[in-house]
Protein backbone atom coordinates (compact mmCIF):
# COMPACT_ATOMS: atom_id res chain seq x y z
CA MET A 1 2.17 50.41 25.53
CA SER A 2 5.63 49.28 24.46
CA ASP A 3 6.77 45.69 24.88
CA LYS A 4 9.28 46.83 27.49
CA GLN A 5 6.53 48.53 29.51
CA GLN A 6 4.46 45.49 30.38
CA ASP A 7 1.11 45.47 32.16
CA ASN A 8 1.99 43.25 35.06
CA SER A 9 -1.59 43.09 36.33
CA CYS A 10 -1.53 39.71 38.01
CA SER A 11 -2.20 38.45 41.51
CA HIS A 12 1.59 38.30 41.89
CA ASN A 13 3.71 41.09 40.45
CA TYR A 14 7.14 39.82 41.49
CA TYR A 15 8.07 36.97 39.18
CA PHE A 16 11.42 35.24 39.65
CA ASP A 17 10.81 31.94 37.84
CA ASN A 18 11.90 32.71 34.29
CA ALA A 19 14.09 29.60 34.21
CA ALA A 20 10.85 27.59 34.31
CA THR A 21 8.94 29.79 31.86
CA SER A 22 9.34 33.47 31.07
CA TRP A 23 6.79 36.03 32.20
CA PRO A 24 5.64 38.51 31.16
CA LYS A 25 5.84 37.99 27.41
CA PRO A 26 6.05 40.87 24.96
CA GLU A 27 2.54 42.11 24.25
CA SER A 28 3.00 41.23 20.59
CA VAL A 29 3.37 37.55 21.55
CA TYR A 30 -0.06 37.47 23.19
CA ARG A 31 -1.68 39.29 20.26
CA ALA A 32 -0.13 37.09 17.59
CA ALA A 33 -1.06 33.80 19.26
CA GLU A 34 -4.66 34.92 19.74
CA LEU A 35 -4.99 36.38 16.25
CA GLN A 36 -3.63 33.20 14.66
CA MET A 37 -6.24 31.11 16.48
CA ARG A 38 -9.12 33.50 15.81
CA GLN A 39 -8.54 34.56 12.22
CA ALA A 40 -5.90 32.48 10.44
CA CYS A 41 -6.28 28.95 11.74
CA GLY A 42 -5.26 26.85 8.74
CA ASN A 43 -3.47 23.50 8.74
CA PRO A 44 -0.07 23.96 7.07
CA GLY A 45 0.60 21.70 4.09
CA ARG A 46 -2.83 20.09 4.18
CA SER A 47 -4.68 22.06 1.52
CA GLY A 48 -4.36 24.82 -1.04
CA HIS A 49 -6.70 27.44 0.37
CA THR A 50 -5.57 30.80 1.66
CA ARG A 51 -5.53 29.97 5.36
CA THR A 52 -3.37 26.91 4.78
CA LEU A 53 -0.98 28.89 2.63
CA GLU A 54 -0.73 31.61 5.27
CA ALA A 55 -0.03 28.93 7.90
CA ASP A 56 2.73 27.57 5.65
CA ARG A 57 4.27 31.03 5.41
CA LEU A 58 4.03 31.53 9.17
CA ILE A 59 5.84 28.25 9.87
CA TYR A 60 8.57 29.07 7.39
CA ARG A 61 9.07 32.59 8.74
CA THR A 62 9.40 31.20 12.25
CA ARG A 63 11.83 28.55 11.05
CA GLU A 64 13.90 31.25 9.35
CA ALA A 65 13.91 33.39 12.49
CA VAL A 66 15.15 30.52 14.66
CA ALA A 67 17.81 29.65 12.10
CA GLY A 68 18.96 33.26 12.06
CA LEU A 69 19.20 33.43 15.83
CA LEU A 70 21.21 30.19 16.04
CA LYS A 71 23.40 31.05 13.01
CA VAL A 72 22.10 28.12 10.96
CA SER A 73 22.31 28.56 7.17
CA ASP A 74 19.53 26.10 6.21
CA PRO A 75 16.17 26.67 7.97
CA ALA A 76 15.09 23.14 7.00
CA ARG A 77 17.47 21.85 9.67
CA ILE A 78 15.28 23.45 12.35
CA ILE A 79 12.64 20.99 13.53
CA PHE A 80 9.70 22.22 15.59
CA THR A 81 8.78 20.19 18.67
CA LEU A 82 6.60 20.50 21.76
CA ASN A 83 9.46 21.81 23.93
CA ALA A 84 13.11 21.09 24.73
CA THR A 85 12.22 17.80 26.43
CA ASP A 86 10.54 16.59 23.24
CA ALA A 87 13.54 17.72 21.20
CA LEU A 88 16.01 15.94 23.50
CA ASN A 89 14.02 12.72 23.30
CA MET A 90 13.94 13.06 19.53
CA ALA A 91 17.70 13.53 19.40
CA LEU A 92 18.64 10.74 21.81
CA LYS A 93 16.22 8.11 20.55
CA GLY A 94 16.74 9.08 16.93
CA LEU A 95 20.54 8.88 17.03
CA LEU A 96 21.54 6.15 19.46
CA GLU A 97 21.92 2.52 18.44
CA PRO A 98 22.42 -0.69 20.47
CA GLY A 99 25.91 -0.80 21.90
CA ASP A 100 26.48 2.96 21.88
CA HIS A 101 28.16 4.68 24.82
CA VAL A 102 27.03 8.15 25.91
CA LEU A 103 28.77 10.80 28.01
CA TYR A 104 26.78 13.42 29.91
CA THR A 105 27.53 15.94 32.65
CA ALA A 106 26.32 16.01 36.23
CA MET A 107 24.47 19.25 35.46
CA GLU A 108 22.00 17.62 33.07
CA HIS A 109 18.26 18.02 33.49
CA ASN A 110 15.91 15.04 33.84
CA SER A 111 14.96 15.71 30.20
CA VAL A 112 18.31 14.07 29.43
CA LEU A 113 18.78 11.83 32.46
CA ARG A 114 15.46 10.02 32.12
CA PRO A 115 15.62 9.16 28.40
CA LEU A 116 19.21 7.99 28.89
CA GLY A 117 18.14 6.03 31.95
CA ARG A 118 15.41 4.28 29.96
CA LEU A 119 17.77 3.38 27.13
CA ARG A 120 20.36 2.15 29.65
CA ARG A 121 17.87 0.02 31.61
CA ASP A 122 16.59 -1.48 28.38
CA GLY A 123 20.13 -2.63 27.62
CA ILE A 124 20.47 -0.47 24.50
CA ILE A 125 23.27 1.88 25.61
CA THR A 126 25.86 2.39 28.33
CA THR A 127 26.58 5.76 29.91
CA THR A 128 29.23 7.62 31.89
CA MET A 129 28.62 10.77 33.89
CA VAL A 130 31.23 13.53 33.72
CA PRO A 131 31.47 15.01 37.24
CA CYS A 132 31.16 18.73 37.93
CA SER A 133 32.60 20.98 40.61
CA GLU A 134 30.59 22.61 43.40
CA SER A 135 30.31 25.67 41.15
CA GLY A 136 28.80 23.50 38.41
CA ASP A 137 31.81 23.45 36.05
CA PRO A 138 32.38 20.17 34.15
CA ASP A 139 35.62 18.36 35.00
CA LEU A 140 37.42 18.52 31.65
CA ASP A 141 40.18 16.13 32.77
CA ALA A 142 37.56 13.57 33.72
CA LEU A 143 35.93 14.08 30.32
CA GLU A 144 39.19 13.31 28.54
CA ASN A 145 39.45 10.02 30.44
CA ALA A 146 35.82 9.01 29.98
CA TYR A 147 35.76 8.25 26.26
CA GLN A 148 35.47 4.63 25.21
CA ALA A 149 35.79 2.81 21.92
CA GLY A 150 32.00 2.85 21.51
CA THR A 151 31.34 6.44 22.62
CA ARG A 152 28.82 7.89 20.19
CA LEU A 153 27.53 11.03 21.88
CA LEU A 154 28.43 13.74 24.39
CA VAL A 155 25.47 15.61 25.93
CA ILE A 156 26.15 19.09 27.33
CA ASN A 157 23.79 21.33 29.28
CA HIS A 158 24.79 24.75 27.92
CA ALA A 159 23.77 26.45 31.17
CA SER A 160 22.65 24.77 34.37
CA ASN A 161 19.07 25.42 35.39
CA VAL A 162 20.24 25.15 39.03
CA THR A 163 23.34 27.37 39.17
CA GLY A 164 23.39 29.17 35.81
CA THR A 165 26.90 27.82 35.16
CA ILE A 166 27.81 28.05 31.47
CA ALA A 167 29.62 25.04 30.02
CA PRO A 168 32.80 25.64 27.97
CA LEU A 169 31.21 24.51 24.71
CA GLU A 170 34.16 25.16 22.41
CA LYS A 171 36.57 23.05 24.47
CA MET A 172 34.08 20.24 25.05
CA ILE A 173 32.95 20.07 21.42
CA LYS A 174 36.56 19.98 20.23
CA SER A 175 37.30 17.20 22.71
CA ALA A 176 34.41 15.12 21.35
CA HIS A 177 34.92 15.80 17.66
CA THR A 178 38.62 14.92 17.88
CA ARG A 179 37.42 11.40 18.70
CA GLY A 180 34.58 11.31 16.18
CA VAL A 181 31.92 11.73 18.88
CA LYS A 182 28.73 13.68 18.17
CA VAL A 183 27.58 16.48 20.48
CA LEU A 184 24.06 17.30 21.67
CA ILE A 185 23.54 20.68 23.34
CA ASP A 186 20.65 21.37 25.73
CA ALA A 187 20.07 25.10 25.18
CA ALA A 188 16.82 25.33 27.16
CA GLN A 189 18.26 28.05 29.41
CA THR A 190 20.33 29.91 26.81
CA ALA A 191 18.56 30.16 23.45
CA GLY A 192 17.36 33.76 23.37
CA SER A 193 19.68 35.12 26.06
CA LEU A 194 23.19 34.03 25.02
CA GLU A 195 24.90 34.10 21.63
CA ILE A 196 24.89 30.64 20.02
CA ASN A 197 26.66 30.01 16.72
CA ALA A 198 25.55 26.45 16.03
CA GLU A 199 27.43 26.00 12.77
CA GLY A 200 30.46 27.98 13.88
CA LEU A 201 30.86 25.77 16.95
CA GLY A 202 30.25 22.62 14.94
CA ILE A 203 27.26 21.59 17.06
CA ASP A 204 25.66 18.38 15.79
CA LEU A 205 22.34 18.63 17.62
CA LEU A 206 20.83 21.43 19.69
CA ALA A 207 17.56 21.37 21.61
CA PHE A 208 15.75 24.58 22.56
CA THR A 209 12.43 25.59 24.06
CA GLY A 210 10.22 28.47 22.99
CA HIS A 211 8.66 29.45 26.31
CA LYS A 212 11.75 30.58 28.24
CA SER A 213 14.26 33.13 26.92
CA LEU A 214 12.73 33.04 23.42
CA LEU A 215 9.67 34.65 25.10
CA GLY A 216 7.16 32.50 23.23
CA PRO A 217 4.18 30.43 24.40
CA THR A 218 4.41 27.03 26.03
CA GLY A 219 4.09 24.06 23.70
CA THR A 220 6.82 25.37 21.39
CA GLY A 221 10.44 24.36 20.94
CA GLY A 222 12.71 22.68 18.50
CA LEU A 223 15.77 20.75 17.48
CA TYR A 224 18.62 21.81 15.23
CA VAL A 225 20.09 18.88 13.28
CA ARG A 226 23.40 19.30 11.50
CA ARG A 227 23.22 19.01 7.71
CA ASP A 228 25.09 15.69 7.38
CA LEU A 229 23.24 13.97 10.23
CA ASN A 230 20.07 11.89 9.87
CA LEU A 231 17.92 10.80 12.82
CA LYS A 232 15.34 8.05 13.00
CA PRO A 233 11.92 9.73 13.29
CA LEU A 234 10.41 9.63 16.77
CA ARG A 235 6.95 10.02 15.23
CA GLU A 236 5.57 9.21 11.80
CA GLY A 237 2.29 10.20 10.20
CA GLY A 238 0.69 13.01 8.27
CA THR A 239 2.91 15.67 6.75
CA GLY A 240 0.80 16.86 3.83
CA SER A 241 3.39 15.53 1.37
CA GLN A 242 3.81 12.14 -0.37
CA SER A 243 0.37 11.12 0.87
CA GLU A 244 0.21 8.26 -1.63
CA THR A 245 2.68 6.11 0.32
CA ASP A 246 2.93 4.63 3.82
CA ILE A 247 6.62 5.53 3.92
CA HIS A 248 7.35 8.69 5.89
CA PRO A 249 9.11 11.42 3.84
CA GLU A 250 12.91 11.47 4.01
CA SER A 251 13.38 15.17 3.31
CA MET A 252 13.81 17.66 6.12
CA PRO A 253 11.99 19.04 8.01
CA GLU A 254 9.16 16.61 7.21
CA ARG A 255 11.36 13.64 8.18
CA LEU A 256 11.12 14.63 11.85
CA GLU A 257 7.82 16.55 11.89
CA ALA A 258 4.61 14.53 11.81
CA GLY A 259 1.14 15.79 12.59
CA THR A 260 -0.25 19.30 12.85
CA LEU A 261 2.14 21.84 14.32
CA ASN A 262 1.22 24.34 17.04
CA ASN A 263 0.42 27.20 14.67
CA SER A 264 -0.84 29.64 17.28
CA GLY A 265 2.12 28.87 19.53
CA LEU A 266 4.56 29.35 16.66
CA ALA A 267 2.87 32.64 15.76
CA GLY A 268 3.62 33.81 19.29
CA LEU A 269 7.14 32.40 19.11
CA LEU A 270 7.80 34.35 15.93
CA GLU A 271 6.90 37.55 17.72
CA GLY A 272 9.18 36.59 20.60
CA LEU A 273 12.01 36.11 18.11
CA ARG A 274 11.22 39.44 16.47
CA PHE A 275 11.30 41.14 19.86
CA ILE A 276 14.74 39.66 20.52
CA GLU A 277 15.98 40.80 17.11
CA GLN A 278 14.61 44.33 17.56
CA THR A 279 15.86 44.68 21.12
CA GLY A 280 19.19 43.06 20.38
CA LEU A 281 20.47 39.82 21.87
CA ALA A 282 23.47 41.68 23.28
CA ALA A 283 21.23 44.22 25.04
CA ILE A 284 19.10 41.44 26.54
CA GLY A 285 22.20 39.59 27.71
CA GLU A 286 23.71 42.74 29.22
CA HIS A 287 20.53 43.56 31.15
CA GLU A 288 20.27 40.03 32.53
CA LYS A 289 23.97 40.07 33.44
CA GLU A 290 23.52 43.31 35.40
CA ILE A 291 20.34 42.12 37.11
CA ARG A 292 21.91 38.80 38.12
CA SER A 293 25.07 40.47 39.39
CA CYS A 294 23.02 42.92 41.46
CA LEU A 295 20.89 40.13 42.90
CA TYR A 296 23.86 37.90 43.73
CA ASN A 297 25.85 40.69 45.37
CA GLU A 298 22.88 41.86 47.45
CA LEU A 299 22.03 38.34 48.63
CA GLU A 300 25.66 37.80 49.59
CA THR A 301 25.28 40.43 52.33
CA ILE A 302 22.38 38.66 54.08
CA PRO A 303 23.50 36.58 57.09
CA GLY A 304 22.60 32.90 56.77
CA ILE A 305 22.29 32.81 52.99
CA LYS A 306 24.63 30.48 51.08
CA LEU A 307 24.87 31.06 47.33
CA TYR A 308 25.69 28.47 44.69
CA GLY A 309 27.20 28.76 41.23
CA PRO A 310 29.22 31.55 39.58
CA LYS A 311 29.95 34.76 41.47
CA GLY A 312 27.97 37.89 40.71
CA GLU A 313 30.29 39.30 38.06
CA ASP A 314 31.13 35.95 36.44
CA PRO A 315 29.48 34.84 33.18
CA ALA A 316 26.30 32.87 33.92
CA ALA A 317 22.72 32.39 32.88
CA CYS A 318 20.32 34.64 34.81
CA ILE A 319 19.89 32.24 37.74
CA VAL A 320 20.83 32.45 41.43
CA SER A 321 20.29 29.53 43.83
CA PHE A 322 20.62 29.73 47.59
CA THR A 323 19.89 28.09 50.90
CA LEU A 324 19.07 29.96 54.11
CA ASN A 325 20.50 28.50 57.32
CA SER A 326 18.82 25.12 57.85
CA ALA A 327 15.41 26.23 56.60
CA ASP A 328 13.53 24.02 54.16
CA SER A 329 13.67 25.50 50.67
CA GLY A 330 9.98 24.83 50.12
CA GLU A 331 9.11 26.73 53.28
CA ILE A 332 11.14 29.74 52.11
CA GLY A 333 9.35 29.65 48.77
CA TYR A 334 5.98 29.49 50.53
CA ILE A 335 6.78 32.51 52.71
CA LEU A 336 8.02 34.50 49.72
CA GLU A 337 4.75 33.94 47.89
CA SER A 338 2.24 34.07 50.73
CA SER A 339 3.73 37.07 52.53
CA TYR A 340 5.38 39.04 49.73
CA GLY A 341 3.81 37.94 46.42
CA ILE A 342 7.18 36.70 45.11
CA LEU A 343 7.17 33.65 42.85
CA CYS A 344 10.24 31.42 42.57
CA ARG A 345 11.19 27.73 42.29
CA THR A 346 12.34 25.50 45.15
CA GLY A 347 13.55 21.92 45.51
CA LEU A 348 15.63 19.87 43.08
CA HIS A 349 14.58 21.59 39.83
CA CYS A 350 14.46 18.27 37.93
CA ALA A 351 18.26 18.09 38.19
CA PRO A 352 19.16 15.71 41.06
CA LEU A 353 22.74 15.09 39.97
CA ALA A 354 23.41 18.83 39.84
CA HIS A 355 22.27 19.14 43.44
CA GLN A 356 24.49 16.25 44.41
CA ALA A 357 27.41 18.05 42.74
CA ILE A 358 26.81 21.27 44.68
CA SER A 359 26.01 19.40 47.94
CA THR A 360 22.37 20.47 48.21
CA PHE A 361 20.79 17.04 47.75
CA PRO A 362 18.13 16.05 48.76
CA GLY A 363 16.75 19.33 50.14
CA GLY A 364 17.53 21.39 47.07
CA THR A 365 17.70 25.17 46.92
CA VAL A 366 15.60 28.26 46.42
CA ARG A 367 16.09 29.29 42.81
CA LEU A 368 15.63 32.88 41.69
CA SER A 369 15.60 33.48 37.95
CA PRO A 370 15.02 37.08 36.87
CA GLY A 371 14.46 37.92 33.23
CA TYR A 372 14.65 40.75 30.74
CA PHE A 373 11.58 42.46 32.22
CA THR A 374 12.88 42.28 35.80
CA THR A 375 13.76 45.72 37.18
CA ARG A 376 16.14 46.94 39.86
CA ALA A 377 13.07 47.82 41.94
CA ASP A 378 11.98 44.17 41.75
CA ILE A 379 15.42 43.10 43.00
CA ASP A 380 15.29 45.60 45.88
CA TYR A 381 11.85 44.36 46.93
CA LEU A 382 13.01 40.71 46.84
CA VAL A 383 16.19 41.40 48.81
CA ASN A 384 14.30 43.34 51.49
CA ALA A 385 11.85 40.45 51.83
CA LEU A 386 14.67 37.94 52.25
CA LYS A 387 16.35 40.14 54.85
CA LYS A 388 13.16 39.98 56.91
CA ILE A 389 12.80 36.24 56.41
CA ALA A 390 16.44 35.63 57.36
CA LYS A 391 15.84 37.22 60.77
CA LEU A 392 13.16 34.64 61.48
CA THR A 393 15.15 31.51 60.61
């Protein structure tokens, strides 16, 4: 069986929640994660025996693969974390100092809003939110007027997990760097589906997760840290190097990686990265663009449905959010699953400010997020189900 021809044997065969975690994974991802745990479970850097050395090689190969995907010249600047949330916390709490001012957009996820909220409530930093339009686009004029003398960081959600809206990174990064402000990119929804040239764009910090478009297991993710930037470690402890001292190593990646890494997860992630390389990032992006456009345009014809975010043909992450008349989004999600075996996400999607921006707070939306393995037949089945549901609301 090829990786494109997945065995979707599951109690639910219609999966539209790839923005939360991708499914199915390439078959090679499942095999690699299991094989690593069964046959090659060594602790990288902690010994000199063959399993440890093989684990070292696995970690390095995965680091190289991520660096290649993100156009990063030095793999040591790729730090492995638990997920994007872990990476964002590492970036924010490792960079920011008392008195710093931070800018962020209304489309940010709680993975950014909550760490910033904690630092703000503790009196360490001040923050300013850059408003966004009802389509999810950041207000660039408001951004220009939001900088202060103490602004240290601009946080940008590369693509909204609510609307799929893609932020204009080049313009926003230039705006920040002109003023000496660092930039942190949340690429949770884009790493593995959109082209990202981290060094070419001049990105200072970029957080990614392994279990979404990178097609890897949960419990994997990472942080890219620009070469001339040093962060305070979020965790300190065993690294397998400089064990004679109680001072944590300064060299990267050990500076920001403490404790045993998720070897089996990273083995699966490596296979996800290999699948992307073999399939072609452009081919993946084109398929998701076509699938999203088809879905958006079909939903637009259903009476009572209101769509949010970019139009069907506009550039966007593979996400479509909608409301249906005055029906509760959770109720729609329940009917989709219980009556049609369709899985999706409803509510606020851990992004309350984004829903305020698009006027769907506090009820939220129904979010549909197809993926690379979603077919036109899946879209047709979903649309037909929603047509039937719409007649009942």
